[in-house]
Amino acid sequence: MTIKSETIAVIREKIENETYTVEEWNAYTQDERKGVQVLVKKQEKRRKAEQLHKEQFEEMLTYEKSIWHKGSTYIAGIDEAGRGPLAGPVVAGAVIINDTFYLEGINDSKKLSVQARERYFDQIKQLSVSYGIGIVDNNTIDQINIFQATKLAMKKAVADLSIQPDHLLVDAVQLNEIPIHHEAIIKGDQKSVSIAAASIIAKVTRDRLMRQVDEQYPAYQFASNMGYGTKNHLQALKQFGPTPYHRVSFAPVKDAIRS
């Protein structure tokens, strides 16, 4: 079968699976059939998106590459999820990657859809050198305050790693209590691949925990608000009072107890 006699269905399958030869691709770009040109433009758009993602990924590896170049091997990116909610734990993730790690489109967990986060979560666990999770519950948050609880969760995440890191990249928090050289990077989840990966590990872990809490206390809609003070959450708090998962040291919860 010549290239010109291929059906559009056959060409679609080859383009979608990228099983065409250079000769075939050149022929497709010259094919006058409208259906073929639609497929060609779609593939060109996909290629451009892939190239952009690769460039963004390389840019987000700047910190890691610089540290690898200086001799460190195991760099752990660290981030947290859940500093602001009125209920639930604060969760930290720690992720060590190597120079073969690649996930197209990885970014700050807050910029990703739920489906994308779940997909990346599984891929990060499979592709990373090591990952760790640290969880600090609401009662501890009330006892030591959210900032200290955040640092405690991060320390637990580092301790949970199967490999001892020799450098830490942390999203915005100074972890002077850990005797490992570290850098606190503002908006690190947008600037570092390993921190972005850690943000996804932390966010997905916490969201799953809050969905479990939602099964016990559906009136508060934790599965959708994840413990943040939405209008419906605040109404339920006022009507039913706090659950055992609420942070009583946070003002809206205090007010609900007093009223």
C-alpha atoms as a PDB file:
ATOM      1  CA  MET A   1       0.000   0.000   0.000  1.00  0.00           C
ATOM      2  CA  THR A   2       1.375   3.416  -0.969  1.00  0.00           C
ATOM      3  CA  ILE A   3       1.200   6.362   1.410  1.00  0.00           C
ATOM      4  CA  LYS A   4      -1.326   8.135  -0.820  1.00  0.00           C
ATOM      5  CA  SER A   5      -3.650   5.129  -0.751  1.00  0.00           C
ATOM      6  CA  GLU A   6      -3.705   4.863   3.048  1.00  0.00           C
ATOM      7  CA  THR A   7      -7.096   5.555   4.576  1.00  0.00           C
ATOM      8  CA  ILE A   8      -7.523   8.396   7.041  1.00  0.00           C
ATOM      9  CA  ALA A   9      -8.297   5.814   9.728  1.00  0.00           C
ATOM     10  CA  VAL A  10      -4.928   4.120   9.163  1.00  0.00           C
ATOM     11  CA  ILE A  11      -3.132   7.475   9.162  1.00  0.00           C
ATOM     12  CA  ARG A  12      -4.923   8.479  12.376  1.00  0.00           C
ATOM     13  CA  GLU A  13      -3.771   5.294  14.107  1.00  0.00           C
ATOM     14  CA  LYS A  14      -0.162   5.837  13.001  1.00  0.00           C
ATOM     15  CA  ILE A  15      -0.130   9.486  14.075  1.00  0.00           C
ATOM     16  CA  GLU A  16      -1.787   8.842  17.435  1.00  0.00           C
ATOM     17  CA  ASN A  17       0.645   5.990  18.173  1.00  0.00           C
ATOM     18  CA  GLU A  18       3.565   7.803  16.509  1.00  0.00           C
ATOM     19  CA  THR A  19       4.453   4.738  14.434  1.00  0.00           C
ATOM     20  CA  TYR A  20       4.952   6.613  11.156  1.00  0.00           C
ATOM     21  CA  THR A  21       8.295   7.029   9.380  1.00  0.00           C
ATOM     22  CA  VAL A  22       9.894  10.348   8.440  1.00  0.00           C
ATOM     23  CA  GLU A  23       8.929   9.687   4.826  1.00  0.00           C
ATOM     24  CA  GLU A  24       5.319   9.035   5.831  1.00  0.00           C
ATOM     25  CA  TRP A  25       5.146  12.178   7.980  1.00  0.00           C
ATOM     26  CA  ASN A  26       6.441  14.308   5.114  1.00  0.00           C
ATOM     27  CA  ALA A  27       3.812  12.777   2.879  1.00  0.00           C
ATOM     28  CA  TYR A  28       1.048  13.451   5.425  1.00  0.00           C
ATOM     29  CA  THR A  29       1.990  17.131   5.601  1.00  0.00           C
ATOM     30  CA  GLN A  30       1.544  17.336   1.811  1.00  0.00           C
ATOM     31  CA  ASP A  31      -1.661  15.281   1.700  1.00  0.00           C
ATOM     32  CA  GLU A  32      -4.519  17.460   0.420  1.00  0.00           C
ATOM     33  CA  ARG A  33      -7.265  15.592   2.224  1.00  0.00           C
ATOM     34  CA  LYS A  34      -8.835  17.763   4.894  1.00  0.00           C
ATOM     35  CA  GLY A  35      -9.033  14.913   7.394  1.00  0.00           C
ATOM     36  CA  VAL A  36      -5.320  14.239   7.099  1.00  0.00           C
ATOM     37  CA  GLN A  37      -4.473  17.917   7.558  1.00  0.00           C
ATOM     38  CA  VAL A  38      -6.585  18.021  10.721  1.00  0.00           C
ATOM     39  CA  LEU A  39      -4.558  15.085  12.066  1.00  0.00           C
ATOM     40  CA  VAL A  40      -1.279  16.735  11.061  1.00  0.00           C
ATOM     41  CA  LYS A  41      -2.159  20.004  12.809  1.00  0.00           C
ATOM     42  CA  LYS A  42      -3.266  18.144  15.920  1.00  0.00           C
ATOM     43  CA  GLN A  43       0.020  16.243  16.010  1.00  0.00           C
ATOM     44  CA  GLU A  44       2.050  19.431  15.489  1.00  0.00           C
ATOM     45  CA  LYS A  45       0.171  21.054  18.367  1.00  0.00           C
ATOM     46  CA  ARG A  46       0.903  18.054  20.572  1.00  0.00           C
ATOM     47  CA  ARG A  47       4.589  18.162  19.648  1.00  0.00           C
ATOM     48  CA  LYS A  48       4.792  21.857  20.538  1.00  0.00           C
ATOM     49  CA  ALA A  49       3.096  21.205  23.888  1.00  0.00           C
ATOM     50  CA  GLU A  50       5.519  18.354  24.626  1.00  0.00           C
ATOM     51  CA  GLN A  51       8.487  20.556  23.767  1.00  0.00           C
ATOM     52  CA  LEU A  52       7.177  23.345  25.998  1.00  0.00           C
ATOM     53  CA  HIS A  53       6.714  20.915  28.872  1.00  0.00           C
ATOM     54  CA  LYS A  54      10.265  19.624  28.405  1.00  0.00           C
ATOM     55  CA  GLU A  55      11.641  23.167  28.463  1.00  0.00           C
ATOM     56  CA  GLN A  56       9.617  24.009  31.580  1.00  0.00           C
ATOM     57  CA  PHE A  57      10.770  20.805  33.241  1.00  0.00           C
ATOM     58  CA  GLU A  58      14.423  21.577  32.485  1.00  0.00           C
ATOM     59  CA  GLU A  59      13.974  25.066  33.917  1.00  0.00           C
ATOM     60  CA  MET A  60      12.463  23.590  37.080  1.00  0.00           C
ATOM     61  CA  LEU A  61      15.520  21.338  37.420  1.00  0.00           C
ATOM     62  CA  THR A  62      17.868  24.313  37.793  1.00  0.00           C
ATOM     63  CA  TYR A  63      18.263  23.960  41.566  1.00  0.00           C
ATOM     64  CA  GLU A  64      18.705  20.197  41.419  1.00  0.00           C
ATOM     65  CA  LYS A  65      21.259  20.356  38.591  1.00  0.00           C
ATOM     66  CA  SER A  66      23.303  22.984  40.395  1.00  0.00           C
ATOM     67  CA  ILE A  67      23.422  20.902  43.578  1.00  0.00           C
ATOM     68  CA  TRP A  68      24.181  17.665  41.725  1.00  0.00           C
ATOM     69  CA  HIS A  69      27.024  19.489  39.982  1.00  0.00           C
ATOM     70  CA  LYS A  70      28.472  20.439  43.388  1.00  0.00           C
ATOM     71  CA  GLY A  71      28.606  16.803  44.442  1.00  0.00           C
ATOM     72  CA  SER A  72      25.390  16.090  46.336  1.00  0.00           C
ATOM     73  CA  THR A  73      23.570  12.949  45.240  1.00  0.00           C
ATOM     74  CA  TYR A  74      20.343  12.700  47.202  1.00  0.00           C
ATOM     75  CA  ILE A  75      18.366  15.943  47.106  1.00  0.00           C
ATOM     76  CA  ALA A  76      14.983  15.876  48.842  1.00  0.00           C
ATOM     77  CA  GLY A  77      12.314  18.353  47.828  1.00  0.00           C
ATOM     78  CA  ILE A  78       9.911  19.138  50.679  1.00  0.00           C
ATOM     79  CA  ASP A  79       6.489  20.769  50.746  1.00  0.00           C
ATOM     80  CA  GLU A  80       3.327  20.723  52.832  1.00  0.00           C
ATOM     81  CA  ALA A  81      -0.424  20.770  52.420  1.00  0.00           C
ATOM     82  CA  GLY A  82      -2.997  21.968  54.911  1.00  0.00           C
ATOM     83  CA  ARG A  83      -1.637  24.965  56.796  1.00  0.00           C
ATOM     84  CA  GLY A  84      -4.779  27.041  56.310  1.00  0.00           C
ATOM     85  CA  PRO A  85      -7.766  24.723  56.899  1.00  0.00           C
ATOM     86  CA  LEU A  86      -9.893  24.783  60.038  1.00  0.00           C
ATOM     87  CA  ALA A  87      -9.902  20.994  60.298  1.00  0.00           C
ATOM     88  CA  GLY A  88      -7.684  18.018  59.603  1.00  0.00           C
ATOM     89  CA  PRO A  89      -3.936  17.445  59.771  1.00  0.00           C
ATOM     90  CA  VAL A  90      -1.055  19.234  58.130  1.00  0.00           C
ATOM     91  CA  VAL A  91       0.787  16.862  55.796  1.00  0.00           C
ATOM     92  CA  ALA A  92       4.274  17.124  54.346  1.00  0.00           C
ATOM     93  CA  GLY A  93       5.862  15.262  51.475  1.00  0.00           C
ATOM     94  CA  ALA A  94       9.549  14.663  50.770  1.00  0.00           C
ATOM     95  CA  VAL A  95      10.747  13.369  47.394  1.00  0.00           C
ATOM     96  CA  ILE A  96      14.207  12.431  46.135  1.00  0.00           C
ATOM     97  CA  ILE A  97      14.645  12.263  42.358  1.00  0.00           C
ATOM     98  CA  ASN A  98      17.598  11.510  40.094  1.00  0.00           C
ATOM     99  CA  ASP A  99      18.637  12.822  36.682  1.00  0.00           C
ATOM    100  CA  THR A 100      16.509  10.246  34.830  1.00  0.00           C
ATOM    101  CA  PHE A 101      13.268  11.367  36.477  1.00  0.00           C
ATOM    102  CA  TYR A 102      10.803  12.956  34.075  1.00  0.00           C
ATOM    103  CA  LEU A 103       7.086  13.658  34.352  1.00  0.00           C
ATOM    104  CA  GLU A 104       5.634  15.801  31.608  1.00  0.00           C
ATOM    105  CA  GLY A 105       3.651  18.779  32.888  1.00  0.00           C
ATOM    106  CA  ILE A 106       4.477  18.357  36.586  1.00  0.00           C
ATOM    107  CA  ASN A 107       3.830  21.545  38.544  1.00  0.00           C
ATOM    108  CA  ASP A 108       2.641  22.965  41.841  1.00  0.00           C
ATOM    109  CA  SER A 109      -0.140  20.652  43.080  1.00  0.00           C
ATOM    110  CA  LYS A 110      -2.566  23.590  43.447  1.00  0.00           C
ATOM    111  CA  LYS A 111      -2.397  24.194  39.678  1.00  0.00           C
ATOM    112  CA  LEU A 112      -3.299  20.619  38.761  1.00  0.00           C
ATOM    113  CA  SER A 113      -6.684  18.947  38.470  1.00  0.00           C
ATOM    114  CA  VAL A 114      -7.657  16.238  40.954  1.00  0.00           C
ATOM    115  CA  GLN A 115      -7.250  13.619  38.222  1.00  0.00           C
ATOM    116  CA  ALA A 116      -3.786  14.897  37.281  1.00  0.00           C
ATOM    117  CA  ARG A 117      -2.651  14.938  40.918  1.00  0.00           C
ATOM    118  CA  GLU A 118      -3.802  11.366  41.438  1.00  0.00           C
ATOM    119  CA  ARG A 119      -2.005  10.233  38.286  1.00  0.00           C
ATOM    120  CA  TYR A 120       1.207  12.041  39.199  1.00  0.00           C
ATOM    121  CA  PHE A 121       0.990  10.707  42.769  1.00  0.00           C
ATOM    122  CA  ASP A 122       1.246   7.115  41.539  1.00  0.00           C
ATOM    123  CA  GLN A 123       3.957   7.976  39.003  1.00  0.00           C
ATOM    124  CA  ILE A 124       6.064   9.840  41.569  1.00  0.00           C
ATOM    125  CA  LYS A 125       5.946   6.850  43.915  1.00  0.00           C
ATOM    126  CA  GLN A 126       7.118   4.602  41.070  1.00  0.00           C
ATOM    127  CA  LEU A 127       9.774   6.860  39.515  1.00  0.00           C
ATOM    128  CA  SER A 128      11.333   8.649  42.484  1.00  0.00           C
ATOM    129  CA  VAL A 129      14.427   7.371  44.277  1.00  0.00           C
ATOM    130  CA  SER A 130      12.486   7.680  47.533  1.00  0.00           C
ATOM    131  CA  TYR A 131       9.470   9.482  48.959  1.00  0.00           C
ATOM    132  CA  GLY A 132       8.363  10.180  52.510  1.00  0.00           C
ATOM    133  CA  ILE A 133       5.194  11.420  54.190  1.00  0.00           C
ATOM    134  CA  GLY A 134       4.818  13.258  57.492  1.00  0.00           C
ATOM    135  CA  ILE A 135       1.450  13.836  59.186  1.00  0.00           C
ATOM    136  CA  VAL A 136       0.707  16.007  62.222  1.00  0.00           C
ATOM    137  CA  ASP A 137      -2.854  15.872  63.544  1.00  0.00           C
ATOM    138  CA  ASN A 138      -5.102  18.755  64.572  1.00  0.00           C
ATOM    139  CA  ASN A 139      -4.582  18.183  68.298  1.00  0.00           C
ATOM    140  CA  THR A 140      -0.841  18.632  67.939  1.00  0.00           C
ATOM    141  CA  ILE A 141      -1.426  21.707  65.780  1.00  0.00           C
ATOM    142  CA  ASP A 142      -3.457  23.192  68.655  1.00  0.00           C
ATOM    143  CA  GLN A 143      -0.699  22.393  71.130  1.00  0.00           C
ATOM    144  CA  ILE A 144       2.361  23.719  69.259  1.00  0.00           C
ATOM    145  CA  ASN A 145       0.789  26.062  66.604  1.00  0.00           C
ATOM    146  CA  ILE A 146       0.497  25.544  62.869  1.00  0.00           C
ATOM    147  CA  PHE A 147       3.963  26.833  61.957  1.00  0.00           C
ATOM    148  CA  GLN A 148       5.730  24.477  64.345  1.00  0.00           C
ATOM    149  CA  ALA A 149       3.394  21.662  63.291  1.00  0.00           C
ATOM    150  CA  THR A 150       4.309  22.294  59.653  1.00  0.00           C
ATOM    151  CA  LYS A 151       8.006  22.000  60.428  1.00  0.00           C
ATOM    152  CA  LEU A 152       7.349  18.857  62.465  1.00  0.00           C
ATOM    153  CA  ALA A 153       5.470  17.297  59.527  1.00  0.00           C
ATOM    154  CA  MET A 154       8.392  18.152  57.231  1.00  0.00           C
ATOM    155  CA  LYS A 155      10.874  16.552  59.632  1.00  0.00           C
ATOM    156  CA  LYS A 156       8.700  13.438  59.775  1.00  0.00           C
ATOM    157  CA  ALA A 157       8.571  13.303  55.968  1.00  0.00           C
ATOM    158  CA  VAL A 158      12.377  13.456  55.781  1.00  0.00           C
ATOM    159  CA  ALA A 159      12.652  10.734  58.440  1.00  0.00           C
ATOM    160  CA  ASP A 160      10.238   8.602  56.399  1.00  0.00           C
ATOM    161  CA  LEU A 161      12.586   8.557  53.383  1.00  0.00           C
ATOM    162  CA  SER A 162      14.311   5.232  52.764  1.00  0.00           C
ATOM    163  CA  ILE A 163      17.531   7.087  51.878  1.00  0.00           C
ATOM    164  CA  GLN A 164      19.195   9.785  53.959  1.00  0.00           C
ATOM    165  CA  PRO A 165      19.306  12.973  51.823  1.00  0.00           C
ATOM    166  CA  ASP A 166      22.437  15.109  51.736  1.00  0.00           C
ATOM    167  CA  HIS A 167      20.595  18.285  50.683  1.00  0.00           C
ATOM    168  CA  LEU A 168      17.068  19.638  51.187  1.00  0.00           C
ATOM    169  CA  LEU A 169      15.067  21.982  48.985  1.00  0.00           C
ATOM    170  CA  VAL A 170      12.159  23.317  51.046  1.00  0.00           C
ATOM    171  CA  ASP A 171       9.173  25.350  49.961  1.00  0.00           C
ATOM    172  CA  ALA A 172       9.551  28.651  51.866  1.00  0.00           C
ATOM    173  CA  VAL A 173      10.348  27.154  55.295  1.00  0.00           C
ATOM    174  CA  GLN A 174      13.700  27.189  57.104  1.00  0.00           C
ATOM    175  CA  LEU A 175      14.370  23.768  58.625  1.00  0.00           C
ATOM    176  CA  ASN A 176      17.303  24.648  60.840  1.00  0.00           C
ATOM    177  CA  GLU A 177      16.396  21.832  63.235  1.00  0.00           C
ATOM    178  CA  ILE A 178      17.502  19.212  60.680  1.00  0.00           C
ATOM    179  CA  PRO A 179      21.303  18.817  60.477  1.00  0.00           C
ATOM    180  CA  ILE A 180      21.273  18.662  56.672  1.00  0.00           C
ATOM    181  CA  HIS A 181      22.196  21.523  54.379  1.00  0.00           C
ATOM    182  CA  HIS A 182      18.990  23.075  53.058  1.00  0.00           C
ATOM    183  CA  GLU A 183      17.597  25.915  51.003  1.00  0.00           C
ATOM    184  CA  ALA A 184      14.225  27.587  51.555  1.00  0.00           C
ATOM    185  CA  ILE A 185      12.811  28.605  48.182  1.00  0.00           C
ATOM    186  CA  ILE A 186       9.874  31.008  47.898  1.00  0.00           C
ATOM    187  CA  LYS A 187       7.260  29.457  45.602  1.00  0.00           C
ATOM    188  CA  GLY A 188       9.527  26.446  45.402  1.00  0.00           C
ATOM    189  CA  ASP A 189       6.708  24.232  44.156  1.00  0.00           C
ATOM    190  CA  GLN A 190       6.794  26.273  40.933  1.00  0.00           C
ATOM    191  CA  LYS A 191      10.600  26.425  40.672  1.00  0.00           C
ATOM    192  CA  SER A 192      11.822  22.950  41.629  1.00  0.00           C
ATOM    193  CA  VAL A 193      10.789  19.558  40.271  1.00  0.00           C
ATOM    194  CA  SER A 194      11.453  17.747  43.543  1.00  0.00           C
ATOM    195  CA  ILE A 195       9.466  20.309  45.567  1.00  0.00           C
ATOM    196  CA  ALA A 196       6.598  20.129  43.053  1.00  0.00           C
ATOM    197  CA  ALA A 197       6.633  16.341  43.406  1.00  0.00           C
ATOM    198  CA  ALA A 198       6.592  16.679  47.197  1.00  0.00           C
ATOM    199  CA  SER A 199       3.643  19.077  46.995  1.00  0.00           C
ATOM    200  CA  ILE A 200       1.679  16.463  45.044  1.00  0.00           C
ATOM    201  CA  ILE A 201       2.522  13.699  47.527  1.00  0.00           C
ATOM    202  CA  ALA A 202       1.421  15.937  50.413  1.00  0.00           C
ATOM    203  CA  LYS A 203      -1.757  17.230  48.761  1.00  0.00           C
ATOM    204  CA  VAL A 204      -3.060  13.870  47.555  1.00  0.00           C
ATOM    205  CA  THR A 205      -2.310  12.202  50.891  1.00  0.00           C
ATOM    206  CA  ARG A 206      -4.144  14.915  52.813  1.00  0.00           C
ATOM    207  CA  ASP A 207      -7.106  15.020  50.436  1.00  0.00           C
ATOM    208  CA  ARG A 208      -7.573  11.278  50.800  1.00  0.00           C
ATOM    209  CA  LEU A 209      -7.548  11.620  54.589  1.00  0.00           C
ATOM    210  CA  MET A 210     -10.152  14.398  54.451  1.00  0.00           C
ATOM    211  CA  ARG A 211     -12.421  12.271  52.259  1.00  0.00           C
ATOM    212  CA  GLN A 212     -12.277   9.599  54.948  1.00  0.00           C
ATOM    213  CA  VAL A 213     -13.216  12.185  57.591  1.00  0.00           C
ATOM    214  CA  ASP A 214     -16.076  13.315  55.345  1.00  0.00           C
ATOM    215  CA  GLU A 215     -17.585   9.821  55.570  1.00  0.00           C
ATOM    216  CA  GLN A 216     -17.841  10.291  59.351  1.00  0.00           C
ATOM    217  CA  TYR A 217     -19.044  13.905  59.255  1.00  0.00           C
ATOM    218  CA  PRO A 218     -20.777  14.549  55.899  1.00  0.00           C
ATOM    219  CA  ALA A 219     -22.505  17.737  57.095  1.00  0.00           C
ATOM    220  CA  TYR A 220     -19.214  19.639  56.933  1.00  0.00           C
ATOM    221  CA  GLN A 221     -18.527  18.666  53.273  1.00  0.00           C
ATOM    222  CA  PHE A 222     -14.876  17.895  53.954  1.00  0.00           C
ATOM    223  CA  ALA A 223     -14.626  15.908  50.704  1.00  0.00           C
ATOM    224  CA  SER A 224     -15.041  19.127  48.724  1.00  0.00           C
ATOM    225  CA  ASN A 225     -13.603  21.835  51.010  1.00  0.00           C
ATOM    226  CA  MET A 226     -10.784  19.725  52.537  1.00  0.00           C
ATOM    227  CA  GLY A 227     -11.310  21.495  55.855  1.00  0.00           C
ATOM    228  CA  TYR A 228     -11.062  25.048  54.552  1.00  0.00           C
ATOM    229  CA  GLY A 229     -13.546  27.603  55.865  1.00  0.00           C
ATOM    230  CA  THR A 230     -16.067  27.664  53.040  1.00  0.00           C
ATOM    231  CA  LYS A 231     -19.538  29.109  53.551  1.00  0.00           C
ATOM    232  CA  ASN A 232     -21.151  25.681  53.938  1.00  0.00           C
ATOM    233  CA  HIS A 233     -18.411  24.521  56.286  1.00  0.00           C
ATOM    234  CA  LEU A 234     -18.824  27.574  58.516  1.00  0.00           C
ATOM    235  CA  GLN A 235     -22.606  27.111  58.565  1.00  0.00           C
ATOM    236  CA  ALA A 236     -22.208  23.485  59.662  1.00  0.00           C
ATOM    237  CA  LEU A 237     -19.658  24.529  62.275  1.00  0.00           C
ATOM    238  CA  LYS A 238     -22.096  27.078  63.676  1.00  0.00           C
ATOM    239  CA  GLN A 239     -24.996  24.628  63.623  1.00  0.00           C
ATOM    240  CA  PHE A 240     -23.317  21.451  64.899  1.00  0.00           C
ATOM    241  CA  GLY A 241     -20.139  22.696  66.578  1.00  0.00           C
ATOM    242  CA  PRO A 242     -16.640  21.346  65.970  1.00  0.00           C
ATOM    243  CA  THR A 243     -15.756  17.728  65.206  1.00  0.00           C
ATOM    244  CA  PRO A 244     -12.821  15.922  66.827  1.00  0.00           C
ATOM    245  CA  TYR A 245     -10.851  16.868  63.696  1.00  0.00           C
ATOM    246  CA  HIS A 246     -11.266  20.633  64.017  1.00  0.00           C
ATOM    247  CA  ARG A 247      -8.419  22.909  65.092  1.00  0.00           C
ATOM    248  CA  VAL A 248      -9.805  24.584  68.183  1.00  0.00           C
ATOM    249  CA  SER A 249      -6.967  27.121  68.239  1.00  0.00           C
ATOM    250  CA  PHE A 250      -8.185  28.614  64.930  1.00  0.00           C
ATOM    251  CA  ALA A 251     -10.460  31.638  65.361  1.00  0.00           C
ATOM    252  CA  PRO A 252     -13.615  30.438  63.516  1.00  0.00           C
ATOM    253  CA  VAL A 253     -13.584  27.201  65.518  1.00  0.00           C
ATOM    254  CA  LYS A 254     -13.020  29.098  68.780  1.00  0.00           C
ATOM    255  CA  ASP A 255     -15.974  31.326  67.942  1.00  0.00           C
ATOM    256  CA  ALA A 256     -18.170  28.287  67.275  1.00  0.00           C
ATOM    257  CA  ILE A 257     -17.269  26.845  70.679  1.00  0.00           C
ATOM    258  CA  ARG A 258     -18.056  30.109  72.472  1.00  0.00           C
ATOM    259  CA  SER A 259     -21.397  30.668  70.752  1.00  0.00           C
END
